[in-house]
C-alpha atoms as a PDB file:
ATOM      1  CA  MET A   1     -11.542  -8.716 -11.563  1.00  0.00           C
ATOM      2  CA  ILE A   2      -7.996  -9.872 -12.077  1.00  0.00           C
ATOM      3  CA  GLU A   3      -7.731 -13.658 -11.901  1.00  0.00           C
ATOM      4  CA  ASP A   4      -4.896 -16.163 -11.723  1.00  0.00           C
ATOM      5  CA  GLU A   5      -4.698 -19.531 -13.560  1.00  0.00           C
ATOM      6  CA  GLU A   6      -6.974 -21.234 -11.045  1.00  0.00           C
ATOM      7  CA  SER A   7      -9.690 -18.593 -11.532  1.00  0.00           C
ATOM      8  CA  LYS A   8      -9.312 -17.354  -7.971  1.00  0.00           C
ATOM      9  CA  LYS A   9      -9.826 -13.657  -7.460  1.00  0.00           C
ATOM     10  CA  ILE A  10      -6.493 -12.134  -6.562  1.00  0.00           C
ATOM     11  CA  CYS A  11      -7.663  -8.528  -6.713  1.00  0.00           C
ATOM     12  CA  SER A  12     -10.947  -6.686  -6.962  1.00  0.00           C
ATOM     13  CA  LEU A  13     -10.720  -3.356  -8.758  1.00  0.00           C
ATOM     14  CA  GLU A  14     -13.340  -0.752  -9.615  1.00  0.00           C
ATOM     15  CA  TYR A  15     -12.747   2.630 -11.186  1.00  0.00           C
ATOM     16  CA  HIS A  16     -14.817   5.372 -12.734  1.00  0.00           C
ATOM     17  CA  ALA A  17     -14.052   8.356 -14.956  1.00  0.00           C
ATOM     18  CA  ASN A  18     -16.366  11.319 -15.496  1.00  0.00           C
ATOM     19  CA  GLU A  19     -17.673  12.532 -18.866  1.00  0.00           C
ATOM     20  CA  ASP A  20     -14.374  14.383 -19.445  1.00  0.00           C
ATOM     21  CA  ASN A  21     -12.523  11.081 -19.012  1.00  0.00           C
ATOM     22  CA  VAL A  22     -10.981  12.241 -15.716  1.00  0.00           C
ATOM     23  CA  LEU A  23     -10.615   9.539 -13.087  1.00  0.00           C
ATOM     24  CA  GLU A  24     -13.047  10.122 -10.210  1.00  0.00           C
ATOM     25  CA  TYR A  25     -12.143   7.069  -8.170  1.00  0.00           C
ATOM     26  CA  ALA A  26     -10.290   3.776  -8.126  1.00  0.00           C
ATOM     27  CA  PHE A  27     -10.954   1.161  -5.422  1.00  0.00           C
ATOM     28  CA  TRP A  28      -9.035  -2.057  -4.890  1.00  0.00           C
ATOM     29  CA  GLN A  29      -8.748  -4.985  -2.542  1.00  0.00           C
ATOM     30  CA  THR A  30      -6.375  -7.934  -2.822  1.00  0.00           C
ATOM     31  CA  LYS A  31      -7.333 -11.492  -1.928  1.00  0.00           C
ATOM     32  CA  SER A  32      -5.131 -11.216   1.157  1.00  0.00           C
ATOM     33  CA  MET A  33      -7.019  -8.083   2.269  1.00  0.00           C
ATOM     34  CA  ARG A  34     -10.357  -9.819   1.690  1.00  0.00           C
ATOM     35  CA  ASP A  35      -9.195 -12.907   3.618  1.00  0.00           C
ATOM     36  CA  THR A  36      -8.059 -10.703   6.512  1.00  0.00           C
ATOM     37  CA  PHE A  37     -11.424  -8.945   6.665  1.00  0.00           C
ATOM     38  CA  HIS A  38     -13.189 -12.314   6.566  1.00  0.00           C
ATOM     39  CA  VAL A  39     -11.451 -13.227   9.851  1.00  0.00           C
ATOM     40  CA  TYR A  40     -11.352  -9.780  11.546  1.00  0.00           C
ATOM     41  CA  ASN A  41     -14.561  -8.000  10.633  1.00  0.00           C
ATOM     42  CA  ASN A  42     -16.151  -6.600  13.815  1.00  0.00           C
ATOM     43  CA  VAL A  43     -14.260  -3.298  13.927  1.00  0.00           C
ATOM     44  CA  ILE A  44     -13.061  -1.138  11.044  1.00  0.00           C
ATOM     45  CA  SER A  45     -11.351   2.208  10.920  1.00  0.00           C
ATOM     46  CA  ILE A  46     -11.611   4.606   8.008  1.00  0.00           C
ATOM     47  CA  ASP A  47      -8.930   7.192   7.311  1.00  0.00           C
ATOM     48  CA  SER A  48      -7.877   9.386   4.420  1.00  0.00           C
ATOM     49  CA  THR A  49      -4.532  10.800   3.437  1.00  0.00           C
ATOM     50  CA  PHE A  50      -4.262  14.421   2.372  1.00  0.00           C
ATOM     51  CA  ASN A  51      -2.110  15.701  -0.526  1.00  0.00           C
ATOM     52  CA  LEU A  52       0.314  12.789  -0.504  1.00  0.00           C
ATOM     53  CA  ASN A  53       0.332  12.184  -4.261  1.00  0.00           C
ATOM     54  CA  LYS A  54       0.895  14.339  -7.356  1.00  0.00           C
ATOM     55  CA  SER A  55      -2.777  14.271  -8.317  1.00  0.00           C
ATOM     56  CA  GLY A  56      -3.901  15.466  -4.889  1.00  0.00           C
ATOM     57  CA  TYR A  57      -6.363  12.575  -4.631  1.00  0.00           C
ATOM     58  CA  PRO A  58      -7.113  11.520  -1.060  1.00  0.00           C
ATOM     59  CA  LEU A  59      -6.389   7.856  -0.427  1.00  0.00           C
ATOM     60  CA  ASN A  60      -9.176   6.281   1.628  1.00  0.00           C
ATOM     61  CA  ILE A  61      -8.044   3.352   3.711  1.00  0.00           C
ATOM     62  CA  ILE A  62     -10.226   0.786   5.471  1.00  0.00           C
ATOM     63  CA  ILE A  63      -8.322  -0.856   8.311  1.00  0.00           C
ATOM     64  CA  THR A  64      -9.124  -3.638  10.746  1.00  0.00           C
ATOM     65  CA  ILE A  65      -7.260  -4.953  13.780  1.00  0.00           C
ATOM     66  CA  ASP A  66      -5.989  -8.539  13.777  1.00  0.00           C
ATOM     67  CA  GLY A  67      -5.575 -10.962  16.685  1.00  0.00           C
ATOM     68  CA  ASN A  68      -2.168  -9.459  17.587  1.00  0.00           C
ATOM     69  CA  ASN A  69      -3.614  -5.918  17.832  1.00  0.00           C
ATOM     70  CA  ASP A  70      -1.860  -4.972  14.593  1.00  0.00           C
ATOM     71  CA  THR A  71      -3.668  -2.829  12.060  1.00  0.00           C
ATOM     72  CA  ARG A  72      -4.307  -4.467   8.708  1.00  0.00           C
ATOM     73  CA  ILE A  73      -5.412  -2.685   5.553  1.00  0.00           C
ATOM     74  CA  VAL A  74      -8.461  -4.364   4.040  1.00  0.00           C
ATOM     75  CA  ALA A  75      -9.347  -1.946   1.203  1.00  0.00           C
ATOM     76  CA  LEU A  76      -8.011   1.168  -0.539  1.00  0.00           C
ATOM     77  CA  GLY A  77      -9.553   3.839  -2.699  1.00  0.00           C
ATOM     78  CA  PHE A  78      -8.234   6.910  -4.502  1.00  0.00           C
ATOM     79  CA  VAL A  79     -10.990   9.506  -4.793  1.00  0.00           C
ATOM     80  CA  THR A  80     -11.184  12.992  -6.273  1.00  0.00           C
ATOM     81  CA  SER A  81     -12.787  14.214  -3.059  1.00  0.00           C
ATOM     82  CA  ASP A  82     -13.328  12.612   0.330  1.00  0.00           C
ATOM     83  CA  LYS A  83     -16.267  15.014   0.817  1.00  0.00           C
ATOM     84  CA  ARG A  84     -18.404  13.797  -2.101  1.00  0.00           C
ATOM     85  CA  THR A  85     -21.096  11.544  -0.701  1.00  0.00           C
ATOM     86  CA  ASP A  86     -21.753   9.893  -4.080  1.00  0.00           C
ATOM     87  CA  ILE A  87     -18.145   8.700  -4.315  1.00  0.00           C
ATOM     88  CA  LEU A  88     -18.010   7.651  -0.651  1.00  0.00           C
ATOM     89  CA  THR A  89     -21.271   5.746  -1.080  1.00  0.00           C
ATOM     90  CA  SER A  90     -19.801   3.977  -4.117  1.00  0.00           C
ATOM     91  CA  PHE A  91     -16.689   3.083  -2.101  1.00  0.00           C
ATOM     92  CA  PHE A  92     -18.535   1.487   0.814  1.00  0.00           C
ATOM     93  CA  ASN A  93     -21.127  -0.231  -1.409  1.00  0.00           C
ATOM     94  CA  TRP A  94     -18.281  -1.675  -3.497  1.00  0.00           C
ATOM     95  CA  PHE A  95     -16.560  -2.818  -0.284  1.00  0.00           C
ATOM     96  CA  ASN A  96     -19.760  -4.518   0.904  1.00  0.00           C
ATOM     97  CA  SER A  97     -20.281  -6.264  -2.433  1.00  0.00           C
ATOM     98  CA  ASN A  98     -16.791  -7.792  -2.148  1.00  0.00           C
ATOM     99  CA  ASN A  99     -17.078  -8.676   1.536  1.00  0.00           C
ATOM    100  CA  PRO A 100     -20.281 -10.417   2.622  1.00  0.00           C
ATOM    101  CA  ASP A 101     -18.940 -10.339   6.190  1.00  0.00           C
ATOM    102  CA  TYR A 102     -19.607  -6.587   6.285  1.00  0.00           C
ATOM    103  CA  VAL A 103     -22.818  -7.509   8.143  1.00  0.00           C
ATOM    104  CA  ASN A 104     -20.602  -8.337  11.160  1.00  0.00           C
ATOM    105  CA  ILE A 105     -19.246  -4.779  11.471  1.00  0.00           C
ATOM    106  CA  LYS A 106     -20.179  -3.577  14.958  1.00  0.00           C
ATOM    107  CA  THR A 107     -17.896  -0.544  15.391  1.00  0.00           C
ATOM    108  CA  ILE A 108     -16.528   1.987  12.935  1.00  0.00           C
ATOM    109  CA  LEU A 109     -13.810   4.501  13.829  1.00  0.00           C
ATOM    110  CA  THR A 110     -13.461   7.568  11.653  1.00  0.00           C
ATOM    111  CA  ASP A 111     -12.194  11.129  11.648  1.00  0.00           C
ATOM    112  CA  LYS A 112     -14.360  14.254  11.694  1.00  0.00           C
ATOM    113  CA  ASN A 113     -15.233  14.191   7.979  1.00  0.00           C
ATOM    114  CA  GLN A 114     -18.979  14.899   8.162  1.00  0.00           C
ATOM    115  CA  SER A 115     -19.672  13.621   4.623  1.00  0.00           C
ATOM    116  CA  GLN A 116     -18.042  10.314   5.507  1.00  0.00           C
ATOM    117  CA  ILE A 117     -19.930  10.102   8.810  1.00  0.00           C
ATOM    118  CA  ASP A 118     -23.255  10.692   7.031  1.00  0.00           C
ATOM    119  CA  VAL A 119     -22.526   7.981   4.448  1.00  0.00           C
ATOM    120  CA  LEU A 120     -21.349   5.493   7.092  1.00  0.00           C
ATOM    121  CA  ARG A 121     -24.486   6.078   9.173  1.00  0.00           C
ATOM    122  CA  SER A 122     -26.698   5.389   6.164  1.00  0.00           C
ATOM    123  CA  ILE A 123     -24.841   2.277   4.953  1.00  0.00           C
ATOM    124  CA  TYR A 124     -24.105   0.777   8.389  1.00  0.00           C
ATOM    125  CA  PRO A 125     -27.079   1.915  10.508  1.00  0.00           C
ATOM    126  CA  ASP A 126     -26.577  -0.768  13.189  1.00  0.00           C
ATOM    127  CA  ALA A 127     -22.857  -0.146  13.725  1.00  0.00           C
ATOM    128  CA  ASP A 128     -21.545   2.107  16.489  1.00  0.00           C
ATOM    129  CA  LEU A 129     -19.781   5.061  14.926  1.00  0.00           C
ATOM    130  CA  SER A 130     -16.978   6.646  16.962  1.00  0.00           C
ATOM    131  CA  LEU A 131     -14.400   9.317  16.319  1.00  0.00           C
ATOM    132  CA  CYS A 132     -10.817   8.090  16.348  1.00  0.00           C
ATOM    133  CA  LEU A 133      -9.024   9.351  19.466  1.00  0.00           C
ATOM    134  CA  TYR A 134      -5.925  10.201  17.459  1.00  0.00           C
ATOM    135  CA  HIS A 135      -7.965  12.586  15.305  1.00  0.00           C
ATOM    136  CA  VAL A 136      -9.864  14.028  18.287  1.00  0.00           C
ATOM    137  CA  PHE A 137      -6.618  14.802  20.145  1.00  0.00           C
ATOM    138  CA  ARG A 138      -4.994  16.154  16.994  1.00  0.00           C
ATOM    139  CA  VAL A 139      -7.852  18.600  16.411  1.00  0.00           C
ATOM    140  CA  MET A 140      -7.828  19.594  20.087  1.00  0.00           C
ATOM    141  CA  ARG A 141      -4.078  20.253  19.945  1.00  0.00           C
ATOM    142  CA  LEU A 142      -4.376  22.318  16.752  1.00  0.00           C
ATOM    143  CA  GLU A 143      -7.288  24.344  18.081  1.00  0.00           C
ATOM    144  CA  THR A 144      -5.556  24.903  21.429  1.00  0.00           C
ATOM    145  CA  HIS A 145      -2.422  26.167  19.700  1.00  0.00           C
ATOM    146  CA  LYS A 146      -4.534  28.586  17.678  1.00  0.00           C
ATOM    147  CA  LYS A 147      -5.977  29.998  20.910  1.00  0.00           C
ATOM    148  CA  LEU A 148      -2.774  30.076  22.993  1.00  0.00           C
ATOM    149  CA  PRO A 149      -1.281  33.237  21.417  1.00  0.00           C
ATOM    150  CA  LEU A 150      -4.516  35.050  22.263  1.00  0.00           C
ATOM    151  CA  PHE A 151      -4.395  33.849  25.881  1.00  0.00           C
ATOM    152  CA  ALA A 152      -0.723  34.819  26.191  1.00  0.00           C
ATOM    153  CA  LEU A 153      -1.499  38.321  24.884  1.00  0.00           C
ATOM    154  CA  GLU A 154      -4.414  38.738  27.301  1.00  0.00           C
ATOM    155  CA  GLU A 155      -2.255  37.632  30.254  1.00  0.00           C
ATOM    156  CA  SER A 156       0.558  40.054  29.342  1.00  0.00           C
ATOM    157  CA  ARG A 157      -1.965  42.924  29.328  1.00  0.00           C
ATOM    158  CA  GLY A 158      -3.368  41.820  32.691  1.00  0.00           C
ATOM    159  CA  ILE A 159      -6.745  40.878  31.212  1.00  0.00           C
END
């Protein structure tokens, strides 16, 4: 914990390196993020970036929606892999330990990462888990574009 002069937590940080001293994850949450989650804690969305930093570590982001329908980041975590259930479990358990209001989470939006879905179902068994529409439509668009050249070829041959 990093603390200011009044001993108030201004940031919660957890990190772990493997036996080769290679960073496996780093999670953090500022006081402002924690305060936001304290007020807006019924719905969260989980997303990960892909190859946006030199190390290639996915950045996991936990987001909530405030009273103005604006998204607000409430926690961040760099991880070596967003498919490793042990790291994802550590991330969400760490989040819960810093945010007692996690018990109010009713809905979780996520992408199609099956490892993440499995971990979320085990840690938040009473929450409704839904796929984010943005990710559903994105996958549909990508898959459709993969198939379109085949359909165009079949039509040109009269199939």
